[in-house]
PDB file of N, CA and C in Angstrom:
ATOM      1  N   MET A   1       0.951  -1.397  -0.006  1.00  0.00           N
ATOM      2  CA  MET A   1       0.205  -0.005  -0.160  1.00  0.00           C
ATOM      3  C   MET A   1       0.822   1.283  -0.048  1.00  0.00           C
ATOM      4  N   ASN A   2       2.027   1.420   1.179  1.00  0.00           N
ATOM      5  CA  ASN A   2       2.766   2.302   0.840  1.00  0.00           C
ATOM      6  C   ASN A   2       3.309   2.678  -0.521  1.00  0.00           C
ATOM      7  N   LEU A   3       3.779   1.755  -1.146  1.00  0.00           N
ATOM      8  CA  LEU A   3       4.545   1.703  -2.023  1.00  0.00           C
ATOM      9  C   LEU A   3       3.856   2.260  -3.428  1.00  0.00           C
ATOM     10  N   ILE A   4       2.323   2.254  -3.317  1.00  0.00           N
ATOM     11  CA  ILE A   4       1.352   2.559  -4.103  1.00  0.00           C
ATOM     12  C   ILE A   4       1.407   3.986  -3.694  1.00  0.00           C
ATOM     13  N   LEU A   5       1.198   4.172  -2.653  1.00  0.00           N
ATOM     14  CA  LEU A   5       0.829   5.814  -2.239  1.00  0.00           C
ATOM     15  C   LEU A   5       2.139   6.711  -2.660  1.00  0.00           C
ATOM     16  N   VAL A   6       3.468   6.128  -2.574  1.00  0.00           N
ATOM     17  CA  VAL A   6       4.686   6.980  -2.869  1.00  0.00           C
ATOM     18  C   VAL A   6       4.624   7.153  -4.058  1.00  0.00           C
ATOM     19  N   ASN A   7       4.367   6.118  -4.781  1.00  0.00           N
ATOM     20  CA  ASN A   7       4.200   6.225  -6.614  1.00  0.00           C
ATOM     21  C   ASN A   7       3.713   7.373  -6.980  1.00  0.00           C
ATOM     22  N   ASN A   8       2.592   7.604  -6.246  1.00  0.00           N
ATOM     23  CA  ASN A   8       1.766   8.662  -6.558  1.00  0.00           C
ATOM     24  C   ASN A   8       1.846   9.971  -5.836  1.00  0.00           C
ATOM     25  N   GLY A   9       2.875  10.182  -5.328  1.00  0.00           N
ATOM     26  CA  GLY A   9       3.085  11.238  -4.585  1.00  0.00           C
ATOM     27  C   GLY A   9       2.696  11.698  -3.312  1.00  0.00           C
ATOM     28  N   TYR A  10       2.141  10.585  -2.574  1.00  0.00           N
ATOM     29  CA  TYR A  10       1.832  10.873  -1.556  1.00  0.00           C
ATOM     30  C   TYR A  10       2.945  10.072  -0.216  1.00  0.00           C
ATOM     31  N   GLN A  11       2.494  10.348   1.146  1.00  0.00           N
ATOM     32  CA  GLN A  11       3.430   9.846   2.268  1.00  0.00           C
ATOM     33  C   GLN A  11       3.435   8.721   2.374  1.00  0.00           C
ATOM     34  N   ILE A  12       4.165   8.138   3.164  1.00  0.00           N
ATOM     35  CA  ILE A  12       4.183   6.516   3.677  1.00  0.00           C
ATOM     36  C   ILE A  12       3.486   7.060   4.935  1.00  0.00           C
ATOM     37  N   ILE A  13       2.330   6.029   5.176  1.00  0.00           N
ATOM     38  CA  ILE A  13       1.413   6.130   6.556  1.00  0.00           C
ATOM     39  C   ILE A  13       1.907   4.832   7.211  1.00  0.00           C
ATOM     40  N   SER A  14       1.326   4.688   8.475  1.00  0.00           N
ATOM     41  CA  SER A  14       1.164   3.611   9.312  1.00  0.00           C
ATOM     42  C   SER A  14      -0.305   3.418   9.953  1.00  0.00           C
ATOM     43  N   ILE A  15      -0.803   2.476   9.821  1.00  0.00           N
ATOM     44  CA  ILE A  15      -2.324   2.596  10.835  1.00  0.00           C
ATOM     45  C   ILE A  15      -1.723   2.531  12.199  1.00  0.00           C
ATOM     46  N   PRO A  16      -2.273   3.623  13.122  1.00  0.00           N
ATOM     47  CA  PRO A  16      -2.218   3.523  14.476  1.00  0.00           C
ATOM     48  C   PRO A  16      -3.045   2.188  15.110  1.00  0.00           C
ATOM     49  N   PRO A  17      -2.347   1.515  16.429  1.00  0.00           N
ATOM     50  CA  PRO A  17      -2.883   0.733  16.813  1.00  0.00           C
ATOM     51  C   PRO A  17      -4.344   1.032  16.957  1.00  0.00           C
ATOM     52  N   VAL A  18      -4.809   2.097  17.590  1.00  0.00           N
ATOM     53  CA  VAL A  18      -6.166   2.554  17.812  1.00  0.00           C
ATOM     54  C   VAL A  18      -7.303   2.400  16.765  1.00  0.00           C
ATOM     55  N   LEU A  19      -6.507   2.445  15.570  1.00  0.00           N
ATOM     56  CA  LEU A  19      -7.399   2.259  14.359  1.00  0.00           C
ATOM     57  C   LEU A  19      -7.467   0.691  13.408  1.00  0.00           C
ATOM     58  N   ARG A  20      -6.632   0.009  14.316  1.00  0.00           N
ATOM     59  CA  ARG A  20      -6.280  -1.241  13.745  1.00  0.00           C
ATOM     60  C   ARG A  20      -7.600  -2.333  13.178  1.00  0.00           C
ATOM     61  N   ILE A  21      -8.573  -1.988  14.296  1.00  0.00           N
ATOM     62  CA  ILE A  21      -9.842  -2.922  14.194  1.00  0.00           C
ATOM     63  C   ILE A  21     -10.577  -2.006  13.128  1.00  0.00           C
ATOM     64  N   GLU A  22     -10.883  -0.596  12.945  1.00  0.00           N
ATOM     65  CA  GLU A  22     -11.552  -0.211  11.713  1.00  0.00           C
ATOM     66  C   GLU A  22     -10.650  -0.423  10.410  1.00  0.00           C
ATOM     67  N   TYR A  23      -9.370  -0.475  10.692  1.00  0.00           N
ATOM     68  CA  TYR A  23      -8.748  -1.086   9.095  1.00  0.00           C
ATOM     69  C   TYR A  23      -9.101  -2.509   8.836  1.00  0.00           C
ATOM     70  N   ILE A  24      -9.002  -3.294   9.987  1.00  0.00           N
ATOM     71  CA  ILE A  24      -9.435  -4.667   9.494  1.00  0.00           C
ATOM     72  C   ILE A  24     -10.867  -4.868   8.838  1.00  0.00           C
ATOM     73  N   ASN A  25     -11.723  -3.985   9.649  1.00  0.00           N
ATOM     74  CA  ASN A  25     -13.067  -4.057   9.158  1.00  0.00           C
ATOM     75  C   ASN A  25     -13.108  -3.581   7.956  1.00  0.00           C
ATOM     76  N   ALA A  26     -12.811  -2.251   7.470  1.00  0.00           N
ATOM     77  CA  ALA A  26     -12.924  -1.844   5.970  1.00  0.00           C
ATOM     78  C   ALA A  26     -12.128  -2.630   5.157  1.00  0.00           C
ATOM     79  N   LEU A  27     -11.159  -3.546   5.315  1.00  0.00           N
ATOM     80  CA  LEU A  27     -10.309  -4.299   4.523  1.00  0.00           C
ATOM     81  C   LEU A  27     -11.671  -5.190   4.273  1.00  0.00           C
ATOM     82  N   HIS A  28     -12.201  -5.974   5.572  1.00  0.00           N
ATOM     83  CA  HIS A  28     -13.381  -7.124   5.152  1.00  0.00           C
ATOM     84  C   HIS A  28     -14.276  -6.629   4.300  1.00  0.00           C
ATOM     85  N   LEU A  29     -14.929  -5.636   4.538  1.00  0.00           N
ATOM     86  CA  LEU A  29     -15.896  -5.189   3.575  1.00  0.00           C
ATOM     87  C   LEU A  29     -15.243  -4.761   2.253  1.00  0.00           C
ATOM     88  N   ALA A  30     -14.192  -4.493   1.935  1.00  0.00           N
ATOM     89  CA  ALA A  30     -13.853  -4.194   0.252  1.00  0.00           C
ATOM     90  C   ALA A  30     -13.570  -5.594   0.003  1.00  0.00           C
ATOM     91  N   GLN A  31     -13.201  -6.683   0.659  1.00  0.00           N
ATOM     92  CA  GLN A  31     -12.823  -7.894  -0.033  1.00  0.00           C
ATOM     93  C   GLN A  31     -14.393  -8.951   0.147  1.00  0.00           C
ATOM     94  N   LYS A  32     -15.433  -8.522   0.406  1.00  0.00           N
ATOM     95  CA  LYS A  32     -16.462  -9.393   0.362  1.00  0.00           C
ATOM     96  C   LYS A  32     -16.648  -9.998  -0.960  1.00  0.00           C
ATOM     97  N   SER A  33     -17.132 -11.117  -0.883  1.00  0.00           N
ATOM     98  CA  SER A  33     -17.833 -11.474  -2.431  1.00  0.00           C
ATOM     99  C   SER A  33     -19.095 -11.156  -2.854  1.00  0.00           C
ATOM    100  N   LYS A  34     -19.821 -10.999  -2.430  1.00  0.00           N
ATOM    101  CA  LYS A  34     -21.120 -10.173  -2.405  1.00  0.00           C
ATOM    102  C   LYS A  34     -21.182  -8.321  -1.928  1.00  0.00           C
ATOM    103  N   ASN A  35     -21.395  -7.627  -2.694  1.00  0.00           N
ATOM    104  CA  ASN A  35     -21.387  -6.469  -2.508  1.00  0.00           C
ATOM    105  C   ASN A  35     -20.511  -5.489  -1.751  1.00  0.00           C
ATOM    106  N   PRO A  36     -18.933  -5.616  -2.305  1.00  0.00           N
ATOM    107  CA  PRO A  36     -18.093  -5.136  -1.717  1.00  0.00           C
ATOM    108  C   PRO A  36     -18.120  -4.044  -1.909  1.00  0.00           C
ATOM    109  N   SER A  37     -17.329  -3.140  -0.844  1.00  0.00           N
ATOM    110  CA  SER A  37     -17.304  -1.808  -0.644  1.00  0.00           C
ATOM    111  C   SER A  37     -15.860  -1.038  -0.494  1.00  0.00           C
ATOM    112  N   ASP A  38     -15.075  -0.455  -0.990  1.00  0.00           N
ATOM    113  CA  ASP A  38     -14.250   0.089  -0.511  1.00  0.00           C
ATOM    114  C   ASP A  38     -13.984   1.310  -0.013  1.00  0.00           C
ATOM    115  N   LYS A  39     -14.988   2.053   0.181  1.00  0.00           N
ATOM    116  CA  LYS A  39     -15.385   3.453   0.502  1.00  0.00           C
ATOM    117  C   LYS A  39     -14.748   3.643   2.031  1.00  0.00           C
ATOM    118  N   ALA A  40     -14.819   2.713   2.622  1.00  0.00           N
ATOM    119  CA  ALA A  40     -14.427   2.526   4.132  1.00  0.00           C
ATOM    120  C   ALA A  40     -12.766   2.735   4.161  1.00  0.00           C
ATOM    121  N   PHE A  41     -12.380   1.688   3.228  1.00  0.00           N
ATOM    122  CA  PHE A  41     -11.367   1.813   3.293  1.00  0.00           C
ATOM    123  C   PHE A  41     -10.329   2.979   2.851  1.00  0.00           C
ATOM    124  N   PHE A  42     -10.770   3.572   1.583  1.00  0.00           N
ATOM    125  CA  PHE A  42     -10.254   4.552   1.169  1.00  0.00           C
ATOM    126  C   PHE A  42     -10.116   5.613   1.935  1.00  0.00           C
ATOM    127  N   GLN A  43     -11.562   5.918   2.790  1.00  0.00           N
ATOM    128  CA  GLN A  43     -11.470   7.177   3.655  1.00  0.00           C
ATOM    129  C   GLN A  43     -10.516   6.884   5.216  1.00  0.00           C
ATOM    130  N   LEU A  44     -10.572   5.689   5.211  1.00  0.00           N
ATOM    131  CA  LEU A  44      -9.529   5.705   6.513  1.00  0.00           C
ATOM    132  C   LEU A  44      -8.050   5.699   6.033  1.00  0.00           C
ATOM    133  N   ILE A  45      -8.007   5.348   4.906  1.00  0.00           N
ATOM    134  CA  ILE A  45      -6.375   5.732   4.123  1.00  0.00           C
ATOM    135  C   ILE A  45      -6.354   6.970   4.262  1.00  0.00           C
ATOM    136  N   ALA A  46      -7.389   7.609   3.652  1.00  0.00           N
ATOM    137  CA  ALA A  46      -7.012   9.145   3.162  1.00  0.00           C
ATOM    138  C   ALA A  46      -7.035   9.984   4.588  1.00  0.00           C
ATOM    139  N   GLU A  47      -7.808   9.416   5.604  1.00  0.00           N
ATOM    140  CA  GLU A  47      -7.461  10.268   6.678  1.00  0.00           C
ATOM    141  C   GLU A  47      -5.950   9.881   7.452  1.00  0.00           C
ATOM    142  N   CYS A  48      -5.611   9.201   7.368  1.00  0.00           N
ATOM    143  CA  CYS A  48      -4.247   8.685   8.028  1.00  0.00           C
ATOM    144  C   CYS A  48      -3.269   9.529   6.984  1.00  0.00           C
ATOM    145  N   GLU A  49      -3.590   9.272   5.658  1.00  0.00           N
ATOM    146  CA  GLU A  49      -2.921  10.257   5.202  1.00  0.00           C
ATOM    147  C   GLU A  49      -2.434  11.760   5.415  1.00  0.00           C
ATOM    148  N   ILE A  50      -3.798  12.319   5.500  1.00  0.00           N
ATOM    149  CA  ILE A  50      -4.004  13.858   6.063  1.00  0.00           C
ATOM    150  C   ILE A  50      -3.256  13.847   7.304  1.00  0.00           C
ATOM    151  N   GLU A  51      -3.208  12.956   7.907  1.00  0.00           N
ATOM    152  CA  GLU A  51      -2.439  12.998   9.237  1.00  0.00           C
ATOM    153  C   GLU A  51      -0.966  13.033   9.405  1.00  0.00           C
ATOM    154  N   ALA A  52      -0.502  12.034   8.396  1.00  0.00           N
ATOM    155  CA  ALA A  52       1.167  11.945   7.873  1.00  0.00           C
ATOM    156  C   ALA A  52       1.276  13.267   7.600  1.00  0.00           C
ATOM    157  N   GLN A  53       0.691  13.863   6.631  1.00  0.00           N
ATOM    158  CA  GLN A  53       0.925  15.276   6.036  1.00  0.00           C
ATOM    159  C   GLN A  53       1.183  16.249   7.165  1.00  0.00           C
ATOM    160  N   LYS A  54       0.229  16.316   8.018  1.00  0.00           N
ATOM    161  CA  LYS A  54       0.248  17.242   8.866  1.00  0.00           C
ATOM    162  C   LYS A  54       1.393  16.911  10.181  1.00  0.00           C
ATOM    163  N   ASP A  55       1.791  15.660  10.422  1.00  0.00           N
ATOM    164  CA  ASP A  55       3.308  15.191  10.890  1.00  0.00           C
ATOM    165  C   ASP A  55       4.428  16.043  10.585  1.00  0.00           C
ATOM    166  N   TYR A  56       4.409  15.851   9.232  1.00  0.00           N
ATOM    167  CA  TYR A  56       5.314  16.578   8.502  1.00  0.00           C
ATOM    168  C   TYR A  56       5.468  17.899   8.648  1.00  0.00           C
ATOM    169  N   CYS A  57       4.233  18.662   8.583  1.00  0.00           N
ATOM    170  CA  CYS A  57       4.376  19.855   8.465  1.00  0.00           C
ATOM    171  C   CYS A  57       4.726  20.171  10.119  1.00  0.00           C
ATOM    172  N   ARG A  58       4.223  19.657  10.869  1.00  0.00           N
ATOM    173  CA  ARG A  58       4.810  20.137  12.430  1.00  0.00           C
ATOM    174  C   ARG A  58       6.324  19.915  12.729  1.00  0.00           C
ATOM    175  N   MET A  59       6.827  18.874  11.980  1.00  0.00           N
ATOM    176  CA  MET A  59       8.259  18.508  12.030  1.00  0.00           C
ATOM    177  C   MET A  59       9.208  19.690  11.623  1.00  0.00           C
ATOM    178  N   PHE A  60       8.508  20.229  10.326  1.00  0.00           N
ATOM    179  CA  PHE A  60       9.411  21.234   9.797  1.00  0.00           C
ATOM    180  C   PHE A  60       8.875  22.380   9.880  1.00  0.00           C
ATOM    181  N   ARG A  61       7.829  22.619  10.852  1.00  0.00           N
ATOM    182  CA  ARG A  61       7.215  24.023  11.545  1.00  0.00           C
ATOM    183  C   ARG A  61       6.650  24.494  10.511  1.00  0.00           C
ATOM    184  N   ILE A  62       6.085  24.010   9.531  1.00  0.00           N
ATOM    185  CA  ILE A  62       5.105  24.585   8.551  1.00  0.00           C
ATOM    186  C   ILE A  62       4.035  24.736   9.365  1.00  0.00           C
ATOM    187  N   ASP A  63       3.560  26.341   9.259  1.00  0.00           N
ATOM    188  CA  ASP A  63       2.225  26.763   9.722  1.00  0.00           C
ATOM    189  C   ASP A  63       0.713  26.521   9.045  1.00  0.00           C
ATOM    190  N   LEU A  64       0.144  25.716   9.485  1.00  0.00           N
ATOM    191  CA  LEU A  64      -1.258  24.627   8.230  1.00  0.00           C
ATOM    192  C   LEU A  64      -2.313  25.877   8.589  1.00  0.00           C
ATOM    193  N   GLN A  65      -1.967  27.107   9.025  1.00  0.00           N
ATOM    194  CA  GLN A  65      -3.383  28.245   9.343  1.00  0.00           C
ATOM    195  C   GLN A  65      -3.408  28.976   8.261  1.00  0.00           C
ATOM    196  N   LYS A  66      -2.449  29.040   7.338  1.00  0.00           N
ATOM    197  CA  LYS A  66      -2.559  30.084   6.101  1.00  0.00           C
ATOM    198  C   LYS A  66      -3.449  29.818   5.103  1.00  0.00           C
TER     199      LYS A  66
END
């Protein structure tokens, strides 16, 4: 997953332990044989990506309020 993200210009992400169950549930929903839905998975990954970008901004002291 991170290789795909990096190849498309995004940050490497990690799923925090507090979101592990949500991550597993999202994977299950996306892999169902009947009526699969990847919406929850994409939403979770997008939220983690945003947090990763915020972390980099904080690390480099980039103000996000602009």
